[in-house]
C-alpha atoms as a PDB file:
ATOM      1  CA  SER A   1       0.384   0.163  -0.153  1.00  0.00           C
ATOM      2  CA  ALA A   2       1.365   3.837  -0.204  1.00  0.00           C
ATOM      3  CA  ASP A   3       1.361   4.308   3.520  1.00  0.00           C
ATOM      4  CA  GLY A   4       2.860   1.124   4.110  1.00  0.00           C
ATOM      5  CA  ASP A   5      -0.125  -0.499   6.314  1.00  0.00           C
ATOM      6  CA  GLY A   6      -1.402  -2.676   3.831  1.00  0.00           C
ATOM      7  CA  PRO A   7      -0.020  -5.282   1.118  1.00  0.00           C
ATOM      8  CA  PRO A   8       2.201  -3.914  -1.526  1.00  0.00           C
ATOM      9  CA  LEU A   9       0.862  -2.165  -4.531  1.00  0.00           C
ATOM     10  CA  PHE A  10       3.788  -3.010  -7.104  1.00  0.00           C
ATOM     11  CA  ARG A  11       6.123  -5.240  -6.990  1.00  0.00           C
ATOM     12  CA  ARG A  12       9.580  -5.892  -8.679  1.00  0.00           C
ATOM     13  CA  CYS A  13       9.352  -8.171 -11.887  1.00  0.00           C
ATOM     14  CA  THR A  14      12.588  -9.663 -13.788  1.00  0.00           C
ATOM     15  CA  LEU A  15      10.334 -11.009 -16.505  1.00  0.00           C
ATOM     16  CA  ASN A  16      11.623  -8.520 -19.182  1.00  0.00           C
ATOM     17  CA  ARG A  17      15.305  -9.956 -18.523  1.00  0.00           C
ATOM     18  CA  GLY A  18      17.097  -9.961 -22.311  1.00  0.00           C
ATOM     19  CA  PHE A  19      13.998  -7.798 -23.114  1.00  0.00           C
ATOM     20  CA  GLY A  20      11.945 -10.827 -24.158  1.00  0.00           C
ATOM     21  CA  LEU A  21       8.843  -9.290 -23.066  1.00  0.00           C
ATOM     22  CA  CYS A  22       9.079  -5.644 -24.240  1.00  0.00           C
ATOM     23  CA  GLU A  23      12.396  -4.071 -26.250  1.00  0.00           C
ATOM     24  CA  THR A  24      11.162  -0.652 -25.264  1.00  0.00           C
ATOM     25  CA  TYR A  25      11.186  -1.385 -21.444  1.00  0.00           C
ATOM     26  CA  PRO A  26      14.371  -1.722 -18.874  1.00  0.00           C
ATOM     27  CA  GLU A  27      15.133  -5.462 -17.870  1.00  0.00           C
ATOM     28  CA  VAL A  28      13.640  -5.003 -14.654  1.00  0.00           C
ATOM     29  CA  LEU A  29       9.907  -3.510 -13.948  1.00  0.00           C
ATOM     30  CA  PHE A  30       7.426  -2.654 -11.370  1.00  0.00           C
ATOM     31  CA  VAL A  31       3.931  -4.058 -12.249  1.00  0.00           C
ATOM     32  CA  PRO A  32       0.761  -4.448 -10.128  1.00  0.00           C
ATOM     33  CA  ALA A  33       1.593  -6.872  -7.236  1.00  0.00           C
ATOM     34  CA  HIS A  34      -1.841  -8.883  -7.754  1.00  0.00           C
ATOM     35  CA  ILE A  35      -0.828 -10.047 -11.160  1.00  0.00           C
ATOM     36  CA  SER A  36       1.258 -13.042 -12.129  1.00  0.00           C
ATOM     37  CA  ASP A  37       3.864 -13.488 -14.577  1.00  0.00           C
ATOM     38  CA  ASP A  38       1.915 -15.693 -16.706  1.00  0.00           C
ATOM     39  CA  ALA A  39      -0.837 -13.348 -16.904  1.00  0.00           C
ATOM     40  CA  LEU A  40       1.834 -10.333 -17.766  1.00  0.00           C
ATOM     41  CA  ARG A  41       2.782 -12.838 -20.580  1.00  0.00           C
ATOM     42  CA  GLN A  42      -0.477 -12.963 -21.930  1.00  0.00           C
ATOM     43  CA  CYS A  43      -1.194  -9.280 -21.482  1.00  0.00           C
ATOM     44  CA  ALA A  44       1.976  -8.462 -23.654  1.00  0.00           C
ATOM     45  CA  ARG A  45       0.972 -10.371 -26.518  1.00  0.00           C
ATOM     46  CA  PHE A  46      -2.436  -8.611 -26.309  1.00  0.00           C
ATOM     47  CA  ARG A  47      -0.704  -4.911 -26.110  1.00  0.00           C
ATOM     48  CA  SER A  48       1.556  -3.038 -28.974  1.00  0.00           C
ATOM     49  CA  LYS A  49       5.235  -3.832 -28.695  1.00  0.00           C
ATOM     50  CA  GLY A  50       4.333  -6.111 -25.343  1.00  0.00           C
ATOM     51  CA  ARG A  51       3.986  -2.753 -23.405  1.00  0.00           C
ATOM     52  CA  VAL A  52       1.988  -3.967 -20.382  1.00  0.00           C
ATOM     53  CA  PRO A  53       1.492  -1.243 -17.971  1.00  0.00           C
ATOM     54  CA  VAL A  54       3.966  -0.374 -15.326  1.00  0.00           C
ATOM     55  CA  CYS A  55       4.925   1.918 -12.653  1.00  0.00           C
ATOM     56  CA  SER A  56       7.547   4.306 -14.041  1.00  0.00           C
ATOM     57  CA  PHE A  57       7.478   6.584 -11.203  1.00  0.00           C
ATOM     58  CA  TYR A  58       6.680   6.635  -7.588  1.00  0.00           C
ATOM     59  CA  PHE A  59       6.000   9.476  -5.453  1.00  0.00           C
ATOM     60  CA  ARG A  60       6.756   8.507  -2.256  1.00  0.00           C
ATOM     61  CA  SER A  61       5.580  11.574  -0.299  1.00  0.00           C
ATOM     62  CA  SER A  62       1.598  10.976  -2.157  1.00  0.00           C
ATOM     63  CA  GLY A  63       1.543   7.418  -2.933  1.00  0.00           C
ATOM     64  CA  ALA A  64       0.898   8.319  -6.269  1.00  0.00           C
ATOM     65  CA  CYS A  65       2.475   6.092  -9.344  1.00  0.00           C
ATOM     66  CA  MET A  66       3.000   7.422 -12.745  1.00  0.00           C
ATOM     67  CA  ALA A  67       2.315   4.369 -15.236  1.00  0.00           C
ATOM     68  CA  ARG A  68       2.911   3.795 -18.623  1.00  0.00           C
ATOM     69  CA  SER A  69       1.651   1.115 -21.435  1.00  0.00           C
ATOM     70  CA  SER A  70       0.327   0.923 -24.578  1.00  0.00           C
ATOM     71  CA  GLN A  71      -3.267   0.635 -25.491  1.00  0.00           C
ATOM     72  CA  PRO A  72      -4.820  -2.919 -25.479  1.00  0.00           C
ATOM     73  CA  CYS A  73      -4.734  -4.169 -29.380  1.00  0.00           C
ATOM     74  CA  CYS A  74      -8.855  -4.484 -29.621  1.00  0.00           C
ATOM     75  CA  GLY A  75      -8.826  -3.981 -33.317  1.00  0.00           C
ATOM     76  CA  VAL A  76     -12.109  -3.701 -35.283  1.00  0.00           C
ATOM     77  CA  LEU A  77     -13.323  -6.704 -33.662  1.00  0.00           C
ATOM     78  CA  ARG A  78     -13.238  -5.139 -30.228  1.00  0.00           C
ATOM     79  CA  GLN A  79     -11.489  -8.261 -29.129  1.00  0.00           C
ATOM     80  CA  ARG A  80     -11.014  -8.660 -25.444  1.00  0.00           C
ATOM     81  CA  ASP A  81      -8.443 -10.473 -23.236  1.00  0.00           C
ATOM     82  CA  ALA A  82      -9.323 -11.668 -19.703  1.00  0.00           C
ATOM     83  CA  ALA A  83      -5.773 -11.319 -18.228  1.00  0.00           C
ATOM     84  CA  ASP A  84      -5.264  -7.816 -19.777  1.00  0.00           C
ATOM     85  CA  GLN A  85      -8.703  -6.829 -18.265  1.00  0.00           C
ATOM     86  CA  GLN A  86      -7.622  -8.094 -15.000  1.00  0.00           C
ATOM     87  CA  LEU A  87      -4.327  -5.985 -15.208  1.00  0.00           C
END
């Protein structure tokens, strides 16, 4: 949690070692704590260039997070991905 009393909001993830998940992200990512590595892999396939939502800057004083990602690749058929929606 932002105030340190509850469970963490983000976790350190090394899934992008060797840039296998996303070439434009660093090798170590901070991702939502509730999402598994398997779900992240699935979400990456559903997003442009594998850009899953990650915390790119954390404001300790306010507990706010600046996140980045690409839009889901829904296409003209408005496809949905269950793992991506969970994320």
